[in-house]
Amino acid sequence: MEPIDIYYCSESTPTLAHFFTFGYAPTLLFYAYIPIIIVSMFLGFFVFFKDKYSLQSKLLLILSSSFVLWILNIILQWIAVYARVVHFSAQITAVFEIPIFIFAIYFVDVFLNKKDISFSLKIFLSTIAAVVIVLLPTQINTLSFDLTNCQSNVGILWKYIYVGEILSIFYVIYLCLRKYFSSTTDKIFKKQIIYLMSGVVLFLSIFSASNIFGEITKLYEINLFGPIGMVIFLGLLSYMIVRFKAFNIKLLATEALVWGLGILIGSQFFFIRTPINRVLNGFTFIAAVIFGHFLVKSVKVEVQQKEELAKLNIDLKNLIKQRESLVHLVTHKVKGSFTRTKALFAGIADGTFGDISPEIKRRANQGLEFDNNGIQTVDLVLNAANMQNGTVRYDMKNINFKDLVEKIISEKEIQVEERKLKLEKEFKDGNYNIMADTIWIKEVINNLVDNAIKYTLTGTVTVGLENKDSNVLLYVKDTGIGITDEDKRGLFTEGGRGKDSVKVNVDSTGYGLYTVKLITEAHKGRVWVESTPGKGSTFFVELPAAE
């Protein structure tokens, strides 16, 4: 290798600390490289401090650091005026470039398999790095130095390095696809693999391609496009962090934006020559810093609030799941007990266990009625829980709603007579066909008529039907105790019932009308009540008429 006797590169004049010059470097050098340095190191350290003991977080930090050191070394080659410094910087470029690909492979392998790489792979990668380091001071690495263009002429080693970089990219693709098509890989992790592969491959490909074409064409400004790959990689990595809830990246992205903006504005001081422009740029820089401070502060508050809401939402979901499990467990246990005692009472009442006295038979029938009411209550609670979860499937068919209402009224006649009430019908002429699930819509009618009978001590229960616009309107009117305005607010909610309801009906649970509301809304209808305390109530159900 020919000795370099000239100290300064041609046309280079030191302007900073008698060591650097900014006139020879491309104008976009700092705009292309410095923001990426900030963002790369910020993300690397952020992830590292969030998960210090994770191998993949350490590898990401090393990968980011290697890339940053490579950029700083390239910047040094552009701005250093001493030929020996530029040449030495070019000689050690491989020291920073090779680790980028080695740790990219290492990072991908650990991310995919959630464990350290094999010992044999470590030996192989370490051997490659060692061979490159040994060859750095030889002509295999750099042949000579072009003083006119202030650049080193690379040796044959770089051909092998570029081939190795291309092979590394294909190896990353192989690792990702092998894991992707593994039978044990879940769908969510497969999405992460696609994002990771896309980010790493684009990063390495653009980085390597810019270096290769820059060397082939000798237009080293092409290297300025190399960091674009790192931007894409960091973007996809950030998206993975957001999408899969690894860390909160919103604050990170805001801080990176503010820092990047500050660096971009600050870097203009290197190119500004007139005092007035320096003053204007100074004001812009100060304004950006102040604005950035308040922006980061506001985003931090928003992030904290969202994190708290998310935590509360998770806690609420867990409580709902626990409640649902408890409801199903208790109701099934209770229903099972009611069913068994019902069978015993039924056996006593019908003489299965032998002859009994009239009094015992009366008590057995009474117990049978209690059990039936208990089973009905359990079914109400279970139905409400299943409707809330969306597990109920409605078999919608075109039915005659009027026929269904008349059938239920006829079934209630004995109950009405026992309570010495009157049951009247007010059916207007019209078409009463609706699209409904017969079993569930019957539950609505039955519940409203049942309630009217239970809460009416004396007087009349009136069931009416009429057509209203394109809807079918059912109303159940009674002369019962009525409902206060306060009680109306919680009437159709889970467990909602009037204060005086238990005085008239001790079996009131508050789930009946809640179930009515859920079923009616599932049929695209609505339910409401009009009532005056002491003067009775009228419940309305409005359903769409069938076309």
Protein backbone atom coordinates (compact mmCIF):
# COMPACT_ATOMS: atom_id res chain seq x y z
CA MET A 1 0.00 0.00 0.00
CA GLU A 2 1.40 3.39 -1.01
CA PRO A 3 2.11 5.76 1.90
CA ILE A 4 -0.01 8.89 2.20
CA ASP A 5 2.38 11.82 2.48
CA ILE A 6 -0.10 14.65 1.89
CA TYR A 7 -1.94 15.60 5.08
CA TYR A 8 -4.99 17.30 3.67
CA CYS A 9 -7.48 16.06 1.10
CA SER A 10 -7.59 18.20 -2.04
CA GLU A 11 -9.88 21.27 -1.76
CA SER A 12 -10.40 20.63 1.94
CA THR A 13 -10.12 23.60 4.29
CA PRO A 14 -10.58 23.04 8.04
CA THR A 15 -13.44 25.16 9.39
CA LEU A 16 -14.17 23.45 12.70
CA ALA A 17 -11.51 22.75 15.35
CA HIS A 18 -8.92 22.65 12.52
CA PHE A 19 -10.04 19.10 11.87
CA PHE A 20 -13.41 19.13 10.07
CA THR A 21 -14.93 20.83 7.06
CA PHE A 22 -18.59 20.96 6.07
CA GLY A 23 -18.14 22.42 2.61
CA TYR A 24 -17.13 19.12 1.00
CA ALA A 25 -20.01 17.06 2.45
CA PRO A 26 -23.37 16.75 0.62
CA THR A 27 -25.99 19.20 1.87
CA LEU A 28 -28.37 16.37 2.80
CA LEU A 29 -25.77 14.49 4.84
CA PHE A 30 -26.96 15.68 8.25
CA TYR A 31 -30.64 15.65 7.30
CA ALA A 32 -30.34 12.03 6.15
CA TYR A 33 -28.19 10.68 8.96
CA ILE A 34 -28.52 12.64 12.20
CA PRO A 35 -32.31 12.20 12.75
CA ILE A 36 -31.90 8.45 12.18
CA ILE A 37 -29.13 8.38 14.79
CA ILE A 38 -31.43 10.01 17.34
CA VAL A 39 -34.43 7.80 16.59
CA SER A 40 -32.38 4.58 16.41
CA MET A 41 -30.69 5.11 19.74
CA PHE A 42 -33.85 6.40 21.38
CA LEU A 43 -35.84 3.33 20.38
CA GLY A 44 -32.96 0.98 21.22
CA PHE A 45 -32.51 2.37 24.73
CA PHE A 46 -36.27 2.73 25.30
CA VAL A 47 -36.91 -0.95 24.61
CA PHE A 48 -33.80 -1.94 26.57
CA PHE A 49 -34.83 -0.05 29.71
CA LYS A 50 -38.38 -1.39 29.43
CA ASP A 51 -37.09 -4.96 29.42
CA LYS A 52 -33.49 -5.01 30.65
CA TYR A 53 -33.31 -8.76 31.14
CA SER A 54 -34.60 -9.71 27.70
CA LEU A 55 -31.99 -10.96 25.25
CA GLN A 56 -33.87 -9.59 22.26
CA SER A 57 -33.99 -6.09 23.78
CA LYS A 58 -30.21 -6.22 24.29
CA LEU A 59 -29.72 -7.37 20.70
CA LEU A 60 -31.93 -4.58 19.37
CA LEU A 61 -29.80 -2.06 21.28
CA ILE A 62 -26.58 -3.59 19.88
CA LEU A 63 -28.05 -3.59 16.36
CA SER A 64 -29.08 0.07 16.69
CA SER A 65 -25.67 0.98 18.14
CA SER A 66 -23.81 -0.76 15.32
CA PHE A 67 -25.86 1.09 12.74
CA VAL A 68 -25.28 4.43 14.50
CA LEU A 69 -21.53 3.81 14.72
CA TRP A 70 -21.49 2.98 11.00
CA ILE A 71 -23.28 6.28 10.26
CA LEU A 72 -20.89 8.28 12.45
CA ASN A 73 -17.94 6.63 10.72
CA ILE A 74 -19.39 7.54 7.29
CA ILE A 75 -19.98 11.15 8.42
CA LEU A 76 -16.35 11.26 9.57
CA GLN A 77 -15.21 10.25 6.08
CA TRP A 78 -17.21 13.12 4.60
CA ILE A 79 -16.12 15.91 6.97
CA ALA A 80 -12.57 14.99 8.08
CA VAL A 81 -9.84 16.97 6.29
CA TYR A 82 -6.85 14.81 7.20
CA ALA A 83 -6.29 12.18 4.52
CA ARG A 84 -4.94 9.69 7.04
CA VAL A 85 -8.11 10.03 9.15
CA VAL A 86 -10.37 9.53 6.12
CA HIS A 87 -8.37 6.49 5.05
CA PHE A 88 -8.34 4.97 8.52
CA SER A 89 -12.08 5.53 8.80
CA ALA A 90 -12.61 3.73 5.48
CA GLN A 91 -10.40 0.84 6.65
CA ILE A 92 -12.50 0.20 9.76
CA THR A 93 -15.89 0.56 8.03
CA ALA A 94 -16.30 -3.22 7.96
CA VAL A 95 -15.96 -3.30 11.76
CA PHE A 96 -19.30 -1.48 11.98
CA GLU A 97 -20.99 -2.86 8.87
CA ILE A 98 -20.53 -6.59 9.51
CA PRO A 99 -22.13 -6.48 13.02
CA ILE A 100 -25.26 -4.92 11.52
CA PHE A 101 -25.97 -8.09 9.55
CA ILE A 102 -24.69 -10.45 12.24
CA PHE A 103 -26.88 -8.96 14.97
CA ALA A 104 -29.83 -8.63 12.61
CA ILE A 105 -29.70 -12.42 12.14
CA TYR A 106 -29.14 -12.91 15.88
CA PHE A 107 -32.09 -10.62 16.75
CA VAL A 108 -34.48 -12.30 14.29
CA ASP A 109 -33.54 -15.81 15.46
CA VAL A 110 -34.06 -14.94 19.14
CA PHE A 111 -37.34 -13.14 18.42
CA LEU A 112 -38.70 -16.11 16.50
CA ASN A 113 -37.60 -18.89 18.84
CA LYS A 114 -37.67 -17.00 22.17
CA LYS A 115 -34.28 -18.44 23.11
CA ASP A 116 -30.58 -17.91 22.45
CA ILE A 117 -29.06 -19.13 19.17
CA SER A 118 -27.13 -22.37 19.00
CA PHE A 119 -23.46 -22.52 19.97
CA SER A 120 -22.47 -23.59 16.46
CA LEU A 121 -24.14 -20.54 14.91
CA LYS A 122 -22.36 -18.30 17.42
CA ILE A 123 -19.03 -19.83 16.41
CA PHE A 124 -19.80 -19.37 12.71
CA LEU A 125 -20.80 -15.71 13.06
CA SER A 126 -17.87 -14.98 15.38
CA THR A 127 -15.46 -16.57 12.89
CA ILE A 128 -16.72 -14.31 10.09
CA ALA A 129 -16.26 -11.24 12.27
CA ALA A 130 -12.76 -12.36 13.33
CA VAL A 131 -11.62 -12.97 9.74
CA VAL A 132 -12.80 -9.50 8.69
CA ILE A 133 -11.00 -7.86 11.62
CA VAL A 134 -7.74 -9.68 10.78
CA LEU A 135 -7.92 -8.50 7.16
CA LEU A 136 -8.63 -4.83 7.97
CA PRO A 137 -5.03 -3.53 7.69
CA THR A 138 -4.33 -5.43 4.46
CA GLN A 139 -4.81 -4.60 0.78
CA ILE A 140 -7.55 -7.21 0.72
CA ASN A 141 -9.60 -4.60 2.59
CA THR A 142 -8.37 -1.31 1.01
CA LEU A 143 -6.03 -1.16 -1.98
CA SER A 144 -5.01 2.50 -1.97
CA PHE A 145 -6.16 6.05 -1.31
CA ASP A 146 -7.40 8.47 -3.99
CA LEU A 147 -6.21 11.86 -2.72
CA THR A 148 -7.97 13.79 -5.49
CA ASN A 149 -11.40 12.46 -4.54
CA CYS A 150 -10.43 11.93 -0.90
CA GLN A 151 -11.58 8.31 -0.78
CA SER A 152 -10.12 4.84 -0.30
CA ASN A 153 -10.18 2.25 -3.05
CA VAL A 154 -11.69 -0.95 -1.64
CA GLY A 155 -10.15 -4.38 -2.05
CA ILE A 156 -11.55 -7.82 -2.87
CA LEU A 157 -12.76 -8.33 0.73
CA TRP A 158 -15.72 -6.09 0.05
CA LYS A 159 -16.97 -8.31 -2.76
CA TYR A 160 -17.22 -11.15 -0.25
CA ILE A 161 -18.80 -8.83 2.31
CA TYR A 162 -21.51 -7.78 -0.15
CA VAL A 163 -22.16 -11.40 -1.13
CA GLY A 164 -22.40 -12.24 2.56
CA GLU A 165 -24.86 -9.40 3.09
CA ILE A 166 -27.10 -10.71 0.30
CA LEU A 167 -26.93 -14.24 1.73
CA SER A 168 -27.78 -12.84 5.17
CA ILE A 169 -30.96 -11.30 3.78
CA PHE A 170 -32.03 -14.63 2.28
CA TYR A 171 -31.20 -16.40 5.55
CA VAL A 172 -33.47 -13.99 7.48
CA ILE A 173 -36.26 -14.72 4.99
CA TYR A 174 -35.66 -18.46 5.46
CA LEU A 175 -35.80 -18.20 9.27
CA CYS A 176 -39.04 -16.20 9.18
CA LEU A 177 -40.83 -18.39 6.62
CA ARG A 178 -39.81 -21.59 8.40
CA LYS A 179 -41.27 -20.31 11.65
CA TYR A 180 -44.33 -18.88 9.89
CA PHE A 181 -45.29 -22.22 8.36
CA SER A 182 -44.60 -24.12 11.56
CA SER A 183 -47.72 -25.94 12.79
CA THR A 184 -47.19 -24.66 16.34
CA THR A 185 -47.20 -20.97 15.37
CA ASP A 186 -50.38 -19.11 16.36
CA LYS A 187 -52.10 -16.53 14.13
CA ILE A 188 -51.09 -13.48 16.17
CA PHE A 189 -47.43 -14.49 16.18
CA LYS A 190 -47.60 -15.13 12.42
CA LYS A 191 -48.58 -11.50 11.93
CA GLN A 192 -45.60 -10.44 14.03
CA ILE A 193 -43.33 -12.60 11.87
CA ILE A 194 -44.56 -10.91 8.69
CA TYR A 195 -43.95 -7.43 10.13
CA LEU A 196 -40.53 -8.43 11.46
CA MET A 197 -39.44 -10.07 8.20
CA SER A 198 -40.64 -7.10 6.14
CA GLY A 199 -38.85 -4.59 8.37
CA VAL A 200 -35.52 -6.43 8.65
CA VAL A 201 -35.37 -7.46 4.99
CA LEU A 202 -36.17 -3.95 3.73
CA PHE A 203 -33.66 -2.45 6.16
CA LEU A 204 -30.82 -4.78 5.17
CA SER A 205 -31.71 -4.73 1.46
CA ILE A 206 -31.82 -0.94 1.09
CA PHE A 207 -28.76 -0.54 3.29
CA SER A 208 -26.72 -3.09 1.34
CA ALA A 209 -28.00 -1.96 -2.09
CA SER A 210 -27.05 1.68 -1.43
CA ASN A 211 -23.52 0.63 -0.46
CA ILE A 212 -23.11 -1.74 -3.42
CA PHE A 213 -24.38 0.71 -6.05
CA GLY A 214 -22.44 3.55 -4.44
CA GLU A 215 -19.24 1.50 -4.79
CA ILE A 216 -20.02 0.39 -8.35
CA THR A 217 -20.88 3.90 -9.61
CA LYS A 218 -18.44 5.72 -7.32
CA LEU A 219 -21.31 8.10 -6.54
CA TYR A 220 -21.19 7.82 -2.76
CA GLU A 221 -24.12 10.21 -2.35
CA ILE A 222 -26.22 7.08 -2.99
CA ASN A 223 -25.27 6.04 0.56
CA LEU A 224 -27.53 8.81 1.81
CA PHE A 225 -30.50 6.62 0.86
CA GLY A 226 -29.26 3.74 3.03
CA PRO A 227 -30.93 4.96 6.27
CA ILE A 228 -34.35 4.78 4.59
CA GLY A 229 -34.31 1.04 5.29
CA MET A 230 -33.69 1.70 8.99
CA VAL A 231 -36.65 4.10 9.03
CA ILE A 232 -38.91 1.39 7.61
CA PHE A 233 -37.57 -1.18 10.07
CA LEU A 234 -38.09 1.11 13.06
CA GLY A 235 -41.54 2.04 11.77
CA LEU A 236 -42.66 -1.58 11.48
CA LEU A 237 -41.04 -2.43 14.81
CA SER A 238 -42.92 0.46 16.41
CA TYR A 239 -46.14 -0.74 14.80
CA MET A 240 -45.53 -4.21 16.24
CA ILE A 241 -45.04 -2.68 19.66
CA VAL A 242 -48.33 -0.79 19.35
CA ARG A 243 -50.31 -3.54 17.61
CA PHE A 244 -49.33 -6.28 20.03
CA LYS A 245 -49.21 -4.12 23.17
CA ALA A 246 -45.55 -4.74 23.99
CA PHE A 247 -44.91 -1.10 25.00
CA ASN A 248 -46.71 2.21 24.59
CA ILE A 249 -45.09 3.73 21.51
CA LYS A 250 -47.28 6.82 21.20
CA LEU A 251 -45.20 8.79 23.67
CA LEU A 252 -42.02 7.36 22.16
CA ALA A 253 -43.04 8.47 18.66
CA THR A 254 -43.91 11.97 19.88
CA GLU A 255 -40.58 12.38 21.67
CA ALA A 256 -38.72 11.08 18.61
CA LEU A 257 -40.62 13.58 16.44
CA VAL A 258 -39.73 16.48 18.71
CA TRP A 259 -36.08 15.47 18.94
CA GLY A 260 -35.88 14.89 15.19
CA LEU A 261 -37.42 18.30 14.50
CA GLY A 262 -34.97 19.96 16.87
CA ILE A 263 -32.01 18.21 15.26
CA LEU A 264 -33.14 19.17 11.76
CA ILE A 265 -33.54 22.83 12.69
CA GLY A 266 -30.30 22.84 14.67
CA SER A 267 -28.33 21.29 11.82
CA GLN A 268 -29.15 24.32 9.67
CA PHE A 269 -26.67 26.37 11.73
CA PHE A 270 -23.90 24.49 9.87
CA PHE A 271 -25.05 25.89 6.51
CA ILE A 272 -26.33 29.38 7.38
CA ARG A 273 -23.89 32.18 6.63
CA THR A 274 -25.85 35.41 7.16
CA PRO A 275 -26.48 36.78 10.71
CA ILE A 276 -30.16 37.52 10.13
CA ASN A 277 -30.81 33.91 9.04
CA ARG A 278 -28.99 32.66 12.12
CA VAL A 279 -31.25 34.79 14.33
CA LEU A 280 -34.40 33.60 12.56
CA ASN A 281 -33.26 30.00 12.76
CA GLY A 282 -32.49 30.52 16.45
CA PHE A 283 -36.00 31.75 17.15
CA THR A 284 -37.41 28.80 15.18
CA PHE A 285 -35.25 26.39 17.16
CA ILE A 286 -36.36 27.85 20.53
CA ALA A 287 -40.02 27.82 19.46
CA ALA A 288 -39.72 24.18 18.34
CA VAL A 289 -38.17 23.19 21.68
CA ILE A 290 -40.88 24.97 23.70
CA PHE A 291 -43.66 23.59 21.51
CA GLY A 292 -42.14 20.11 21.68
CA HIS A 293 -41.94 20.25 25.47
CA PHE A 294 -45.65 21.01 25.85
CA LEU A 295 -46.58 18.51 23.13
CA VAL A 296 -44.70 15.69 24.87
CA LYS A 297 -46.20 16.73 28.21
CA SER A 298 -49.76 16.68 26.86
CA VAL A 299 -49.25 13.35 25.11
CA LYS A 300 -47.78 11.89 28.30
CA VAL A 301 -50.94 12.88 30.22
CA GLU A 302 -53.14 11.40 27.49
CA VAL A 303 -51.14 8.17 27.45
CA GLN A 304 -51.39 7.83 31.23
CA GLN A 305 -55.14 8.37 31.10
CA LYS A 306 -55.57 5.80 28.34
CA GLU A 307 -53.41 3.31 30.21
CA GLU A 308 -55.56 3.76 33.31
CA LEU A 309 -58.76 3.37 31.28
CA ALA A 310 -57.36 0.29 29.56
CA LYS A 311 -56.46 -1.22 32.93
CA LEU A 312 -59.92 -0.46 34.32
CA ASN A 313 -61.49 -1.94 31.18
CA ILE A 314 -59.49 -5.15 31.59
CA ASP A 315 -60.44 -5.33 35.27
CA LEU A 316 -64.09 -4.80 34.35
CA LYS A 317 -63.98 -7.52 31.71
CA ASN A 318 -62.42 -9.92 34.20
CA LEU A 319 -65.10 -9.09 36.77
CA ILE A 320 -67.84 -9.62 34.18
CA LYS A 321 -66.36 -12.99 33.23
CA GLN A 322 -66.13 -13.99 36.89
CA ARG A 323 -69.71 -12.89 37.47
CA GLU A 324 -70.92 -14.82 34.42
CA SER A 325 -69.15 -17.95 35.61
CA LEU A 326 -70.59 -17.53 39.10
CA VAL A 327 -74.10 -16.91 37.75
CA HIS A 328 -74.02 -20.02 35.58
CA LEU A 329 -72.56 -22.15 38.38
CA VAL A 330 -75.05 -20.99 41.01
CA THR A 331 -78.09 -21.04 38.75
CA HIS A 332 -77.35 -24.52 37.46
CA LYS A 333 -76.81 -25.79 41.00
CA VAL A 334 -80.00 -24.09 42.22
CA LYS A 335 -82.02 -25.24 39.23
CA GLY A 336 -80.80 -28.79 39.79
CA SER A 337 -81.94 -28.64 43.42
CA PHE A 338 -85.35 -27.25 42.43
CA THR A 339 -85.77 -29.93 39.79
CA ARG A 340 -85.02 -32.75 42.24
CA THR A 341 -87.39 -31.43 44.94
CA LYS A 342 -90.02 -30.78 42.28
CA ALA A 343 -89.89 -34.47 41.35
CA LEU A 344 -90.31 -35.39 45.05
CA PHE A 345 -93.31 -33.08 45.52
CA ALA A 346 -94.86 -34.30 42.27
CA GLY A 347 -94.42 -37.92 43.41
CA ILE A 348 -96.06 -37.17 46.76
CA ALA A 349 -98.96 -35.30 45.15
CA ASP A 350 -99.80 -38.00 42.59
CA GLY A 351 -99.55 -40.87 45.10
CA THR A 352 -96.32 -42.43 43.84
CA PHE A 353 -95.16 -42.91 47.43
CA GLY A 354 -98.51 -44.18 48.68
CA ASP A 355 -101.77 -42.79 49.97
CA ILE A 356 -101.59 -39.38 51.64
CA SER A 357 -104.01 -37.13 53.47
CA PRO A 358 -105.64 -34.12 51.74
CA GLU A 359 -103.54 -31.75 53.85
CA ILE A 360 -100.26 -33.38 52.81
CA LYS A 361 -101.40 -33.34 49.17
CA ARG A 362 -102.17 -29.63 49.46
CA ARG A 363 -98.74 -28.97 50.95
CA ALA A 364 -97.07 -31.05 48.23
CA ASN A 365 -98.85 -29.05 45.52
CA GLN A 366 -97.80 -25.87 47.26
CA GLY A 367 -94.19 -27.05 47.31
CA LEU A 368 -94.50 -27.98 43.63
CA GLU A 369 -95.66 -24.42 42.86
CA PHE A 370 -92.74 -22.94 44.82
CA ASP A 371 -90.28 -25.09 42.91
CA ASN A 372 -91.81 -24.10 39.58
CA ASN A 373 -91.45 -20.43 40.54
CA GLY A 374 -87.84 -21.05 41.57
CA ILE A 375 -87.03 -22.78 38.30
CA GLN A 376 -88.68 -19.93 36.39
CA THR A 377 -86.53 -17.40 38.30
CA VAL A 378 -83.34 -19.31 37.55
CA ASP A 379 -84.28 -19.47 33.86
CA LEU A 380 -84.82 -15.71 33.83
CA VAL A 381 -81.34 -15.06 35.25
CA LEU A 382 -79.72 -17.55 32.85
CA ASN A 383 -81.59 -16.14 29.87
CA ALA A 384 -80.55 -12.59 30.76
CA ALA A 385 -76.90 -13.64 31.09
CA ASN A 386 -76.97 -15.51 27.76
CA MET A 387 -78.62 -12.55 26.01
CA GLN A 388 -75.98 -10.19 27.36
CA ASN A 389 -73.25 -12.46 26.00
CA GLY A 390 -74.92 -12.72 22.59
CA THR A 391 -75.09 -16.50 22.83
CA VAL A 392 -78.84 -16.64 22.20
CA ARG A 393 -79.72 -17.43 18.58
CA TYR A 394 -83.15 -16.32 17.36
CA ASP A 395 -85.03 -18.38 14.79
CA MET A 396 -86.89 -15.59 13.00
CA LYS A 397 -90.06 -16.63 11.16
CA ASN A 398 -93.18 -14.89 9.91
CA ILE A 399 -95.78 -15.44 12.66
CA ASN A 400 -99.25 -14.13 13.50
CA PHE A 401 -98.64 -12.10 16.64
CA LYS A 402 -102.38 -11.76 17.35
CA ASP A 403 -102.89 -15.54 17.46
CA LEU A 404 -99.97 -15.89 19.86
CA VAL A 405 -101.36 -13.20 22.20
CA GLU A 406 -104.84 -14.80 22.20
CA LYS A 407 -103.34 -18.18 23.06
CA ILE A 408 -101.46 -16.77 26.06
CA ILE A 409 -104.58 -14.91 27.28
CA SER A 410 -106.58 -18.15 27.22
CA GLU A 411 -103.87 -19.85 29.28
CA LYS A 412 -104.15 -17.13 31.94
CA GLU A 413 -107.92 -17.36 32.45
CA ILE A 414 -107.74 -19.75 35.43
CA GLN A 415 -105.07 -17.62 37.12
CA VAL A 416 -107.23 -14.49 36.63
CA GLU A 417 -110.32 -16.20 38.04
CA GLU A 418 -108.41 -17.36 41.13
CA ARG A 419 -107.40 -13.75 41.82
CA LYS A 420 -110.98 -12.57 41.12
CA LEU A 421 -109.87 -10.19 38.39
CA LYS A 422 -111.23 -9.37 34.94
CA LEU A 423 -109.21 -10.03 31.79
CA GLU A 424 -110.26 -8.02 28.74
CA LYS A 425 -109.10 -7.82 25.13
CA GLU A 426 -108.88 -4.73 22.94
CA PHE A 427 -107.87 -6.01 19.52
CA LYS A 428 -108.31 -3.66 16.59
CA ASP A 429 -108.62 -4.97 13.07
CA GLY A 430 -105.41 -5.15 11.10
CA ASN A 431 -102.43 -7.22 9.99
CA TYR A 432 -100.43 -8.50 12.96
CA ASN A 433 -97.79 -10.57 11.22
CA ILE A 434 -94.23 -10.03 12.49
CA MET A 435 -90.81 -11.62 12.01
CA ALA A 436 -89.99 -13.20 15.35
CA ASP A 437 -88.75 -16.21 17.25
CA THR A 438 -91.99 -17.74 18.58
CA ILE A 439 -90.47 -19.11 21.80
CA TRP A 440 -88.75 -15.87 22.82
CA ILE A 441 -91.48 -13.44 21.77
CA LYS A 442 -93.95 -15.59 23.71
CA GLU A 443 -91.74 -14.96 26.75
CA VAL A 444 -92.29 -11.20 26.29
CA ILE A 445 -96.10 -11.49 26.16
CA ASN A 446 -96.22 -13.99 28.99
CA ASN A 447 -94.05 -11.84 31.26
CA LEU A 448 -96.06 -8.65 30.76
CA VAL A 449 -99.44 -10.35 31.25
CA ASP A 450 -98.14 -12.29 34.28
CA ASN A 451 -96.82 -9.10 35.90
CA ALA A 452 -100.11 -7.29 35.31
CA ILE A 453 -102.01 -10.09 37.04
CA LYS A 454 -99.56 -10.34 39.96
CA TYR A 455 -99.47 -6.61 40.67
CA THR A 456 -103.22 -6.02 40.33
CA LEU A 457 -105.03 -6.63 43.60
CA THR A 458 -108.50 -5.72 42.30
CA GLY A 459 -109.87 -4.59 38.98
CA THR A 460 -109.07 -5.35 35.38
CA VAL A 461 -106.15 -6.42 33.18
CA THR A 462 -106.54 -5.31 29.59
CA VAL A 463 -104.48 -6.68 26.69
CA GLY A 464 -104.65 -4.65 23.49
CA LEU A 465 -103.30 -4.83 19.94
CA GLU A 466 -103.25 -2.21 17.23
CA ASN A 467 -101.32 -1.22 14.14
CA LYS A 468 -99.22 1.92 14.43
CA ASP A 469 -97.56 3.15 11.25
CA SER A 470 -95.52 0.15 10.07
CA ASN A 471 -95.39 -1.43 13.51
CA VAL A 472 -97.46 -3.73 15.68
CA LEU A 473 -98.23 -2.32 19.12
CA LEU A 474 -99.03 -4.56 22.11
CA TYR A 475 -100.12 -2.97 25.37
CA VAL A 476 -100.93 -4.54 28.72
CA LYS A 477 -102.89 -2.27 31.04
CA ASP A 478 -103.73 -2.95 34.69
CA THR A 479 -105.38 -1.25 37.64
CA GLY A 480 -102.59 -2.24 40.02
CA ILE A 481 -100.26 -0.38 42.40
CA GLY A 482 -98.59 1.69 39.68
CA ILE A 483 -94.95 2.73 39.37
CA THR A 484 -93.23 5.89 40.62
CA ASP A 485 -91.02 8.02 38.37
CA GLU A 486 -88.00 6.99 40.44
CA ASP A 487 -88.73 3.29 39.94
CA LYS A 488 -89.28 3.77 36.20
CA ARG A 489 -85.62 4.72 35.72
CA GLY A 490 -84.34 1.29 36.78
CA LEU A 491 -87.30 -0.78 35.68
CA PHE A 492 -85.83 -2.37 32.55
CA THR A 493 -82.31 -2.79 33.95
CA GLU A 494 -80.69 -5.91 35.32
CA GLY A 495 -82.23 -6.60 38.73
CA GLY A 496 -84.29 -3.39 38.53
CA ARG A 497 -87.64 -3.43 40.34
CA GLY A 498 -89.95 -1.03 42.15
CA LYS A 499 -89.61 -0.38 45.89
CA ASP A 500 -93.15 -1.62 46.56
CA SER A 501 -93.02 -4.58 44.18
CA VAL A 502 -91.83 -7.11 46.79
CA LYS A 503 -94.75 -6.14 49.04
CA VAL A 504 -97.13 -7.46 46.39
CA ASN A 505 -94.92 -10.11 44.77
CA VAL A 506 -92.29 -11.65 47.05
CA ASP A 507 -90.84 -13.58 44.11
CA SER A 508 -89.92 -10.40 42.21
CA THR A 509 -86.32 -10.55 40.90
CA GLY A 510 -86.15 -7.63 38.48
CA TYR A 511 -84.94 -9.93 35.70
CA GLY A 512 -88.33 -10.37 34.02
CA LEU A 513 -88.64 -6.89 32.49
CA TYR A 514 -84.90 -6.83 31.78
CA THR A 515 -85.34 -10.00 29.72
CA VAL A 516 -88.36 -8.44 27.97
CA LYS A 517 -86.21 -5.46 26.98
CA LEU A 518 -83.36 -7.65 25.66
CA ILE A 519 -85.71 -9.84 23.61
CA THR A 520 -87.67 -6.87 22.25
CA GLU A 521 -84.51 -5.03 21.18
CA ALA A 522 -83.20 -8.22 19.56
CA HIS A 523 -86.40 -8.14 17.46
CA LYS A 524 -85.65 -4.50 16.53
CA GLY A 525 -88.47 -3.22 18.70
CA ARG A 526 -88.83 -1.12 21.84
CA VAL A 527 -90.58 -1.40 25.21
CA TRP A 528 -91.71 1.29 27.64
CA VAL A 529 -94.17 1.96 30.45
CA GLU A 530 -96.65 4.66 31.37
CA SER A 531 -97.89 4.66 34.94
CA THR A 532 -99.40 6.70 37.75
CA PRO A 533 -98.79 5.45 41.32
CA GLY A 534 -101.99 3.99 42.73
CA LYS A 535 -103.81 4.09 39.38
CA GLY A 536 -102.18 1.24 37.49
CA SER A 537 -99.65 0.86 34.68
CA THR A 538 -99.58 0.28 30.95
CA PHE A 539 -96.66 -1.56 29.34
CA PHE A 540 -96.11 -1.12 25.61
CA VAL A 541 -94.17 -3.30 23.19
CA GLU A 542 -93.74 -2.04 19.62
CA LEU A 543 -92.41 -4.44 16.97
CA PRO A 544 -91.83 -4.01 13.23
CA ALA A 545 -94.62 -5.52 11.10
CA ALA A 546 -93.58 -8.18 8.59
CA GLU A 547 -93.33 -6.93 5.01
